[in-house]
Amino acid sequence: MCFYAVHLTTFKVVDKKMAKCTAIQEPILQPLRAYHQVMQVRGMGSEHTVFALEQFSLAEDKQLEVTLYERNGGRTLTFYVTAEDLQIAKKIDNLKLKW
């Protein structure tokens, strides 16, 4: 059975358009909490994890880059969250978690 073993998930704010030959260092945002953190995803499957990040601003020319790194492998999965995506996100009021 094919699966993707998640080793690490990183979050950073990056420019939407980056010029070639530019050396830029984006600080990595550390998650404050993670709920139902998935460590393995089956092939053709899907999973959900909720990460709580410290409050940050996301200008129109920036986006949140989320990268998942595979354990003992070379595959990475990267996707981007824009300010527009965050504006349509649902607010969670009553999330009861045990820390």
N, C-alpha and C. Protein backbone atom coordinates (compact mmCIF):
# COMPACT_ATOMS: atom_id res chain seq x y z
N MET A 1 0.84 -1.17 0.00
CA MET A 1 0.00 0.00 0.00
C MET A 1 0.89 1.24 0.00
N CYS A 2 0.56 2.19 -0.82
CA CYS A 2 1.33 3.42 -0.94
C CYS A 2 0.87 4.43 0.11
N PHE A 3 1.82 5.09 0.76
CA PHE A 3 1.47 6.11 1.73
C PHE A 3 2.56 7.17 1.79
N TYR A 4 2.22 8.30 2.39
CA TYR A 4 3.14 9.42 2.55
C TYR A 4 3.34 9.61 4.05
N ALA A 5 4.56 9.37 4.54
CA ALA A 5 4.87 9.51 5.96
C ALA A 5 5.39 10.92 6.21
N VAL A 6 4.64 11.71 6.96
CA VAL A 6 4.99 13.11 7.21
C VAL A 6 6.04 13.18 8.30
N HIS A 7 7.15 13.84 8.00
CA HIS A 7 8.22 14.03 8.97
C HIS A 7 8.13 15.40 9.63
N LEU A 8 7.87 16.43 8.83
CA LEU A 8 7.92 17.80 9.32
C LEU A 8 6.99 18.66 8.49
N THR A 9 6.35 19.63 9.12
CA THR A 9 5.52 20.61 8.43
C THR A 9 6.04 21.99 8.78
N THR A 10 6.32 22.81 7.76
CA THR A 10 6.82 24.17 8.00
C THR A 10 5.85 25.20 7.43
N PHE A 11 5.87 26.38 8.05
CA PHE A 11 5.02 27.49 7.65
C PHE A 11 5.90 28.73 7.52
N LYS A 12 5.76 29.47 6.41
CA LYS A 12 6.47 30.73 6.28
C LYS A 12 5.72 31.66 5.34
N VAL A 13 5.86 32.96 5.57
CA VAL A 13 5.23 33.98 4.74
C VAL A 13 6.22 34.34 3.64
N VAL A 14 5.78 34.21 2.38
CA VAL A 14 6.65 34.46 1.23
C VAL A 14 5.97 35.42 0.26
N ASP A 15 6.77 36.02 -0.62
CA ASP A 15 6.23 36.88 -1.67
C ASP A 15 5.50 36.04 -2.70
N LYS A 16 4.42 36.59 -3.26
CA LYS A 16 3.70 35.87 -4.32
C LYS A 16 4.56 35.76 -5.57
N LYS A 17 5.27 36.84 -5.89
CA LYS A 17 6.13 36.84 -7.07
C LYS A 17 7.56 37.08 -6.61
N MET A 18 8.42 36.14 -6.91
CA MET A 18 9.83 36.28 -6.52
C MET A 18 10.67 36.41 -7.78
N ALA A 19 11.57 37.37 -7.76
CA ALA A 19 12.49 37.55 -8.89
C ALA A 19 13.53 36.44 -8.86
N LYS A 20 13.97 36.02 -10.04
CA LYS A 20 15.02 35.01 -10.11
C LYS A 20 16.32 35.62 -9.61
N CYS A 21 17.21 34.78 -9.13
CA CYS A 21 18.52 35.20 -8.64
C CYS A 21 18.41 36.15 -7.45
N THR A 22 17.46 35.91 -6.59
CA THR A 22 17.30 36.72 -5.40
C THR A 22 17.51 35.85 -4.18
N ALA A 23 18.34 36.31 -3.27
CA ALA A 23 18.57 35.58 -2.03
C ALA A 23 17.71 36.21 -0.94
N ILE A 24 16.70 35.47 -0.49
CA ILE A 24 15.78 35.98 0.51
C ILE A 24 15.67 34.93 1.62
N GLN A 25 15.66 35.41 2.86
CA GLN A 25 15.46 34.52 3.98
C GLN A 25 14.10 34.83 4.59
N GLU A 26 13.20 33.86 4.57
CA GLU A 26 11.91 34.02 5.21
C GLU A 26 11.93 33.27 6.53
N PRO A 27 11.56 33.94 7.62
CA PRO A 27 11.54 33.23 8.91
C PRO A 27 10.43 32.19 8.93
N ILE A 28 10.71 31.05 9.53
CA ILE A 28 9.74 29.97 9.64
C ILE A 28 8.85 30.24 10.85
N LEU A 29 7.53 30.15 10.66
CA LEU A 29 6.58 30.33 11.75
C LEU A 29 6.43 29.00 12.48
N GLN A 30 6.56 29.05 13.79
CA GLN A 30 6.43 27.84 14.60
C GLN A 30 4.98 27.67 15.04
N PRO A 31 4.37 26.52 14.82
CA PRO A 31 3.01 26.30 15.30
C PRO A 31 2.96 26.32 16.82
N LEU A 32 1.94 26.98 17.37
CA LEU A 32 1.76 27.00 18.81
C LEU A 32 1.13 25.69 19.29
N ARG A 33 0.19 25.20 18.52
CA ARG A 33 -0.50 23.95 18.84
C ARG A 33 -0.87 23.23 17.55
N ALA A 34 -1.08 21.94 17.65
CA ALA A 34 -1.56 21.15 16.52
C ALA A 34 -2.64 20.21 17.05
N TYR A 35 -3.75 20.13 16.34
CA TYR A 35 -4.84 19.24 16.71
C TYR A 35 -4.95 18.15 15.66
N HIS A 36 -4.93 16.91 16.09
CA HIS A 36 -5.02 15.75 15.20
C HIS A 36 -3.92 15.80 14.15
N GLN A 37 -2.67 15.93 14.62
CA GLN A 37 -1.54 16.02 13.70
C GLN A 37 -1.32 14.67 13.02
N VAL A 38 -1.46 14.67 11.72
CA VAL A 38 -1.36 13.45 10.92
C VAL A 38 0.11 13.17 10.62
N MET A 39 0.52 11.93 10.81
CA MET A 39 1.90 11.54 10.53
C MET A 39 2.00 10.60 9.33
N GLN A 40 0.85 10.16 8.80
CA GLN A 40 0.86 9.25 7.66
C GLN A 40 -0.44 9.43 6.88
N VAL A 41 -0.31 9.54 5.55
CA VAL A 41 -1.47 9.69 4.67
C VAL A 41 -1.42 8.58 3.63
N ARG A 42 -2.50 7.85 3.48
CA ARG A 42 -2.57 6.78 2.48
C ARG A 42 -2.62 7.37 1.08
N GLY A 43 -2.12 6.61 0.13
CA GLY A 43 -2.17 7.04 -1.26
C GLY A 43 -3.60 7.31 -1.70
N MET A 44 -3.81 8.38 -2.42
CA MET A 44 -5.12 8.81 -2.90
C MET A 44 -6.08 9.11 -1.74
N GLY A 45 -5.54 9.32 -0.54
CA GLY A 45 -6.37 9.62 0.63
C GLY A 45 -6.26 11.09 1.00
N SER A 46 -6.97 11.46 2.03
CA SER A 46 -6.88 12.83 2.54
C SER A 46 -7.00 12.81 4.05
N GLU A 47 -6.43 13.79 4.68
CA GLU A 47 -6.45 13.93 6.14
C GLU A 47 -6.59 15.40 6.48
N HIS A 48 -6.96 15.68 7.73
CA HIS A 48 -7.11 17.06 8.20
C HIS A 48 -6.33 17.24 9.49
N THR A 49 -5.58 18.33 9.58
CA THR A 49 -4.88 18.72 10.79
C THR A 49 -5.12 20.21 10.99
N VAL A 50 -5.34 20.62 12.24
CA VAL A 50 -5.52 22.03 12.56
C VAL A 50 -4.27 22.51 13.28
N PHE A 51 -3.61 23.53 12.72
CA PHE A 51 -2.44 24.14 13.34
C PHE A 51 -2.81 25.53 13.83
N ALA A 52 -2.39 25.88 15.04
CA ALA A 52 -2.57 27.23 15.56
C ALA A 52 -1.23 27.95 15.46
N LEU A 53 -1.22 29.08 14.74
CA LEU A 53 -0.02 29.88 14.58
C LEU A 53 -0.19 31.19 15.33
N GLU A 54 0.92 31.78 15.73
CA GLU A 54 0.87 33.10 16.34
C GLU A 54 0.32 34.08 15.30
N GLN A 55 -0.40 35.10 15.77
CA GLN A 55 -1.01 36.05 14.85
C GLN A 55 0.05 36.73 13.99
N PHE A 56 -0.24 36.85 12.69
CA PHE A 56 0.68 37.50 11.76
C PHE A 56 -0.15 38.19 10.69
N SER A 57 0.46 39.17 10.03
CA SER A 57 -0.25 39.87 8.96
C SER A 57 0.16 39.27 7.62
N LEU A 58 -0.76 39.31 6.69
CA LEU A 58 -0.53 38.74 5.37
C LEU A 58 -0.97 39.78 4.34
N ALA A 59 -0.02 40.56 3.83
CA ALA A 59 -0.31 41.61 2.86
C ALA A 59 -0.77 40.99 1.55
N GLU A 60 -1.33 41.81 0.67
CA GLU A 60 -1.85 41.32 -0.61
C GLU A 60 -0.77 40.69 -1.49
N ASP A 61 0.49 41.13 -1.35
CA ASP A 61 1.56 40.59 -2.18
C ASP A 61 2.29 39.42 -1.51
N LYS A 62 1.74 38.92 -0.38
CA LYS A 62 2.35 37.81 0.35
C LYS A 62 1.38 36.64 0.41
N GLN A 63 1.93 35.46 0.72
CA GLN A 63 1.12 34.27 0.92
C GLN A 63 1.80 33.37 1.93
N LEU A 64 1.03 32.52 2.57
CA LEU A 64 1.56 31.57 3.54
C LEU A 64 1.93 30.30 2.80
N GLU A 65 3.19 29.91 2.89
CA GLU A 65 3.67 28.68 2.25
C GLU A 65 3.70 27.57 3.30
N VAL A 66 3.01 26.48 3.02
CA VAL A 66 2.97 25.32 3.91
C VAL A 66 3.66 24.17 3.18
N THR A 67 4.69 23.59 3.81
CA THR A 67 5.45 22.51 3.18
C THR A 67 5.47 21.30 4.10
N LEU A 68 5.15 20.15 3.54
CA LEU A 68 5.23 18.88 4.26
C LEU A 68 6.41 18.10 3.70
N TYR A 69 7.26 17.62 4.59
CA TYR A 69 8.44 16.84 4.20
C TYR A 69 8.20 15.38 4.55
N GLU A 70 8.62 14.50 3.65
CA GLU A 70 8.44 13.07 3.85
C GLU A 70 9.54 12.51 4.75
N ARG A 71 9.16 11.59 5.62
CA ARG A 71 10.12 10.91 6.49
C ARG A 71 10.91 9.89 5.66
N ASN A 72 12.23 9.92 5.79
CA ASN A 72 13.13 9.00 5.07
C ASN A 72 12.88 8.99 3.57
N GLY A 73 12.58 10.14 3.02
CA GLY A 73 12.33 10.20 1.58
C GLY A 73 12.64 11.58 1.04
N GLY A 74 12.53 11.73 -0.25
CA GLY A 74 12.86 12.98 -0.87
C GLY A 74 11.67 13.79 -1.34
N ARG A 75 10.46 13.28 -1.12
CA ARG A 75 9.28 14.00 -1.62
C ARG A 75 8.87 15.10 -0.65
N THR A 76 8.48 16.22 -1.21
CA THR A 76 7.91 17.31 -0.42
C THR A 76 6.60 17.74 -1.08
N LEU A 77 5.70 18.22 -0.27
CA LEU A 77 4.42 18.73 -0.75
C LEU A 77 4.29 20.16 -0.26
N THR A 78 4.10 21.10 -1.19
CA THR A 78 3.98 22.51 -0.84
C THR A 78 2.68 23.05 -1.39
N PHE A 79 1.97 23.81 -0.55
CA PHE A 79 0.79 24.53 -1.03
C PHE A 79 0.79 25.92 -0.40
N TYR A 80 -0.01 26.80 -0.97
CA TYR A 80 0.00 28.21 -0.58
C TYR A 80 -1.39 28.65 -0.13
N VAL A 81 -1.41 29.48 0.91
CA VAL A 81 -2.64 30.05 1.44
C VAL A 81 -2.54 31.56 1.26
N THR A 82 -3.52 32.14 0.56
CA THR A 82 -3.51 33.59 0.31
C THR A 82 -4.37 34.31 1.34
N ALA A 83 -4.27 35.64 1.33
CA ALA A 83 -5.10 36.45 2.22
C ALA A 83 -6.58 36.22 1.93
N GLU A 84 -6.91 36.02 0.66
CA GLU A 84 -8.30 35.76 0.28
C GLU A 84 -8.80 34.45 0.88
N ASP A 85 -7.93 33.44 0.92
CA ASP A 85 -8.31 32.16 1.53
C ASP A 85 -8.62 32.33 3.01
N LEU A 86 -7.82 33.14 3.69
CA LEU A 86 -8.03 33.36 5.13
C LEU A 86 -9.31 34.14 5.39
N GLN A 87 -9.68 35.03 4.48
CA GLN A 87 -10.89 35.82 4.67
C GLN A 87 -12.16 34.97 4.58
N ILE A 88 -12.12 33.88 3.82
CA ILE A 88 -13.31 33.03 3.70
C ILE A 88 -13.26 31.84 4.66
N ALA A 89 -12.22 31.75 5.47
CA ALA A 89 -12.11 30.66 6.43
C ALA A 89 -13.17 30.80 7.51
N LYS A 90 -13.62 29.68 8.03
CA LYS A 90 -14.61 29.69 9.10
C LYS A 90 -13.93 29.91 10.44
N LYS A 91 -14.56 30.70 11.28
CA LYS A 91 -14.04 30.97 12.62
C LYS A 91 -14.43 29.81 13.54
N ILE A 92 -13.50 29.39 14.38
CA ILE A 92 -13.76 28.32 15.34
C ILE A 92 -13.92 28.97 16.70
N ASP A 93 -15.14 28.93 17.24
CA ASP A 93 -15.41 29.56 18.54
C ASP A 93 -15.30 28.57 19.70
N ASN A 94 -15.84 27.40 19.53
CA ASN A 94 -15.93 26.46 20.64
C ASN A 94 -15.10 25.21 20.38
N LEU A 95 -13.82 25.38 20.28
CA LEU A 95 -12.94 24.24 20.09
C LEU A 95 -12.39 23.86 21.45
N LYS A 96 -12.83 22.74 21.97
CA LYS A 96 -12.42 22.31 23.30
C LYS A 96 -11.29 21.30 23.16
N LEU A 97 -10.11 21.72 23.54
CA LEU A 97 -8.94 20.86 23.45
C LEU A 97 -8.29 20.72 24.81
N LYS A 98 -7.68 19.60 25.05
CA LYS A 98 -6.90 19.39 26.27
C LYS A 98 -5.44 19.56 25.92
N TRP A 99 -4.77 20.53 26.50
CA TRP A 99 -3.36 20.78 26.19
C TRP A 99 -2.50 20.09 27.17
